[in-house]
Every structure is written in C-alpha cells, then in structure tokens.
C-alpha cells in the first residue's frame, strides 16, 4: 500500500495531522520551483543552497570592484572630435 492511500485513513483516525513545512506560506510563490505555492523565492531553502554552492565553487561572487580608468579605460575615445554648426 502506498503512503498516498494510507494518509486519508490515518487522518480519519486521528493518527496523524497535516504538518506544514517550517516556512509554509499559502500566499508565497517560488519562481525557482516553477511558481509553486507554499514559499517565496526569498525563503526558498533549495535556492539558498544552490547560491551557496555557486559561491563555494567559484562561479558566483558578490565582491564589489572599484572601477579604475587605468585598469578599465573607456574604449573608442581616441581621436574624438566635436561637430559644430
């Protein structure tokens, strides 16, 4: 017998009760899970673990870099001219 078939019997006999996940939100929608209802993308544990994995593996970084004209010069400005009427 499957768990799906057992659950209604357990509920009718008060052997179990519905247990919602810790961050269950009936109004929340998770885009990471294809729009599934129950939690928001902001509270999605799976998404948080994926982001952490990307950081740990070096694919993602949130370090801010200071821009420098010497390091990253603007291209296409050599020999600039001004058009006048």
C-alpha atoms as a PDB file:
ATOM      1  CA  UNK A   1       0.000   0.000   0.000  1.00  0.00           C
ATOM      2  CA  UNK A   2       1.294   3.464  -0.850  1.00  0.00           C
ATOM      3  CA  UNK A   3       1.652   6.380   1.556  1.00  0.00           C
ATOM      4  CA  UNK A   4      -0.859   8.318  -0.558  1.00  0.00           C
ATOM      5  CA  UNK A   5      -3.503   5.675   0.144  1.00  0.00           C
ATOM      6  CA  UNK A   6      -2.577   5.387   3.833  1.00  0.00           C
ATOM      7  CA  UNK A   7      -2.729   9.105   4.623  1.00  0.00           C
ATOM      8  CA  UNK A   8      -6.541   9.579   4.421  1.00  0.00           C
ATOM      9  CA  UNK A   9      -7.045   6.617   6.747  1.00  0.00           C
ATOM     10  CA  UNK A  10      -4.530   7.993   9.227  1.00  0.00           C
ATOM     11  CA  UNK A  11      -6.192  11.421   9.119  1.00  0.00           C
ATOM     12  CA  UNK A  12      -9.696   9.989   9.662  1.00  0.00           C
ATOM     13  CA  UNK A  13      -8.496   8.010  12.670  1.00  0.00           C
ATOM     14  CA  UNK A  14      -6.566  10.970  14.090  1.00  0.00           C
ATOM     15  CA  UNK A  15      -3.293   9.037  13.917  1.00  0.00           C
ATOM     16  CA  UNK A  16      -1.569  11.927  12.129  1.00  0.00           C
ATOM     17  CA  UNK A  17      -2.356  15.531  11.327  1.00  0.00           C
ATOM     18  CA  UNK A  18      -1.356  17.738   8.437  1.00  0.00           C
ATOM     19  CA  UNK A  19       2.088  19.165   9.034  1.00  0.00           C
ATOM     20  CA  UNK A  20       3.110  22.210   7.025  1.00  0.00           C
ATOM     21  CA  UNK A  21       6.767  22.950   6.274  1.00  0.00           C
ATOM     22  CA  UNK A  22       8.523  25.425   8.558  1.00  0.00           C
ATOM     23  CA  UNK A  23       8.356  28.317   6.092  1.00  0.00           C
ATOM     24  CA  UNK A  24       4.980  27.438   4.539  1.00  0.00           C
ATOM     25  CA  UNK A  25       3.256  30.491   3.092  1.00  0.00           C
ATOM     26  CA  UNK A  26      -0.037  29.962   1.279  1.00  0.00           C
ATOM     27  CA  UNK A  27       0.452  33.314  -0.478  1.00  0.00           C
ATOM     28  CA  UNK A  28       4.089  32.698  -1.372  1.00  0.00           C
ATOM     29  CA  UNK A  29       5.173  31.727  -4.872  1.00  0.00           C
ATOM     30  CA  UNK A  30       8.628  30.347  -5.669  1.00  0.00           C
ATOM     31  CA  UNK A  31       9.914  31.100  -9.154  1.00  0.00           C
ATOM     32  CA  UNK A  32      12.837  28.694  -8.603  1.00  0.00           C
ATOM     33  CA  UNK A  33      10.298  25.880  -8.234  1.00  0.00           C
ATOM     34  CA  UNK A  34       8.325  26.923 -11.305  1.00  0.00           C
ATOM     35  CA  UNK A  35       5.849  29.131  -9.466  1.00  0.00           C
ATOM     36  CA  UNK A  36       4.969  26.519  -6.839  1.00  0.00           C
ATOM     37  CA  UNK A  37       2.870  27.822  -3.948  1.00  0.00           C
ATOM     38  CA  UNK A  38       3.997  27.306  -0.367  1.00  0.00           C
ATOM     39  CA  UNK A  39       7.006  29.567  -0.013  1.00  0.00           C
ATOM     40  CA  UNK A  40       8.527  32.599  -1.692  1.00  0.00           C
ATOM     41  CA  UNK A  41      11.759  32.655  -3.674  1.00  0.00           C
ATOM     42  CA  UNK A  42      13.200  34.735  -0.823  1.00  0.00           C
ATOM     43  CA  UNK A  43      12.548  31.899   1.681  1.00  0.00           C
ATOM     44  CA  UNK A  44      13.472  29.023  -0.639  1.00  0.00           C
ATOM     45  CA  UNK A  45      15.993  26.759   1.080  1.00  0.00           C
ATOM     46  CA  UNK A  46      16.841  24.943  -2.161  1.00  0.00           C
ATOM     47  CA  UNK A  47      17.651  28.252  -3.886  1.00  0.00           C
ATOM     48  CA  UNK A  48      19.777  29.362  -0.927  1.00  0.00           C
ATOM     49  CA  UNK A  49      21.732  26.093  -1.040  1.00  0.00           C
ATOM     50  CA  UNK A  50      22.213  26.470  -4.818  1.00  0.00           C
ATOM     51  CA  UNK A  51      23.514  30.047  -4.443  1.00  0.00           C
ATOM     52  CA  UNK A  52      25.899  28.912  -1.686  1.00  0.00           C
ATOM     53  CA  UNK A  53      27.126  26.070  -3.907  1.00  0.00           C
ATOM     54  CA  UNK A  54      27.759  28.535  -6.756  1.00  0.00           C
ATOM     55  CA  UNK A  55      29.743  30.777  -4.380  1.00  0.00           C
ATOM     56  CA  UNK A  56      31.736  27.863  -2.952  1.00  0.00           C
ATOM     57  CA  UNK A  57      32.564  26.538  -6.419  1.00  0.00           C
ATOM     58  CA  UNK A  58      33.759  29.945  -7.632  1.00  0.00           C
ATOM     59  CA  UNK A  59      31.000  30.516 -10.187  1.00  0.00           C
ATOM     60  CA  UNK A  60      29.463  33.429  -8.294  1.00  0.00           C
ATOM     61  CA  UNK A  61      30.931  36.324  -6.365  1.00  0.00           C
ATOM     62  CA  UNK A  62      29.358  39.375  -4.771  1.00  0.00           C
ATOM     63  CA  UNK A  63      32.579  41.313  -4.225  1.00  0.00           C
ATOM     64  CA  UNK A  64      32.365  44.874  -5.461  1.00  0.00           C
ATOM     65  CA  UNK A  65      35.211  46.035  -7.641  1.00  0.00           C
ATOM     66  CA  UNK A  66      36.256  49.656  -7.736  1.00  0.00           C
ATOM     67  CA  UNK A  67      36.409  50.984 -11.255  1.00  0.00           C
ATOM     68  CA  UNK A  68      39.662  52.489 -12.388  1.00  0.00           C
ATOM     69  CA  UNK A  69      40.386  54.428 -15.576  1.00  0.00           C
ATOM     70  CA  UNK A  70      43.874  52.923 -15.655  1.00  0.00           C
ATOM     71  CA  UNK A  71      42.590  49.378 -15.192  1.00  0.00           C
ATOM     72  CA  UNK A  72      39.495  49.642 -17.423  1.00  0.00           C
ATOM     73  CA  UNK A  73      39.936  52.539 -19.864  1.00  0.00           C
ATOM     74  CA  UNK A  74      36.943  53.588 -21.912  1.00  0.00           C
ATOM     75  CA  UNK A  75      37.327  52.373 -25.454  1.00  0.00           C
ATOM     76  CA  UNK A  76      36.551  54.272 -28.630  1.00  0.00           C
ATOM     77  CA  UNK A  77      37.502  57.725 -27.396  1.00  0.00           C
ATOM     78  CA  UNK A  78      40.847  58.094 -29.147  1.00  0.00           C
ATOM     79  CA  UNK A  79      40.867  60.965 -31.637  1.00  0.00           C
ATOM     80  CA  UNK A  80      37.433  62.224 -30.613  1.00  0.00           C
ATOM     81  CA  UNK A  81      36.121  65.277 -32.403  1.00  0.00           C
ATOM     82  CA  UNK A  82      33.305  67.730 -31.858  1.00  0.00           C
ATOM     83  CA  UNK A  83      30.874  68.612 -34.602  1.00  0.00           C
ATOM     84  CA  UNK A  84      29.705  72.200 -34.642  1.00  0.00           C
ATOM     85  CA  UNK A  85      27.266  74.095 -36.789  1.00  0.00           C
END
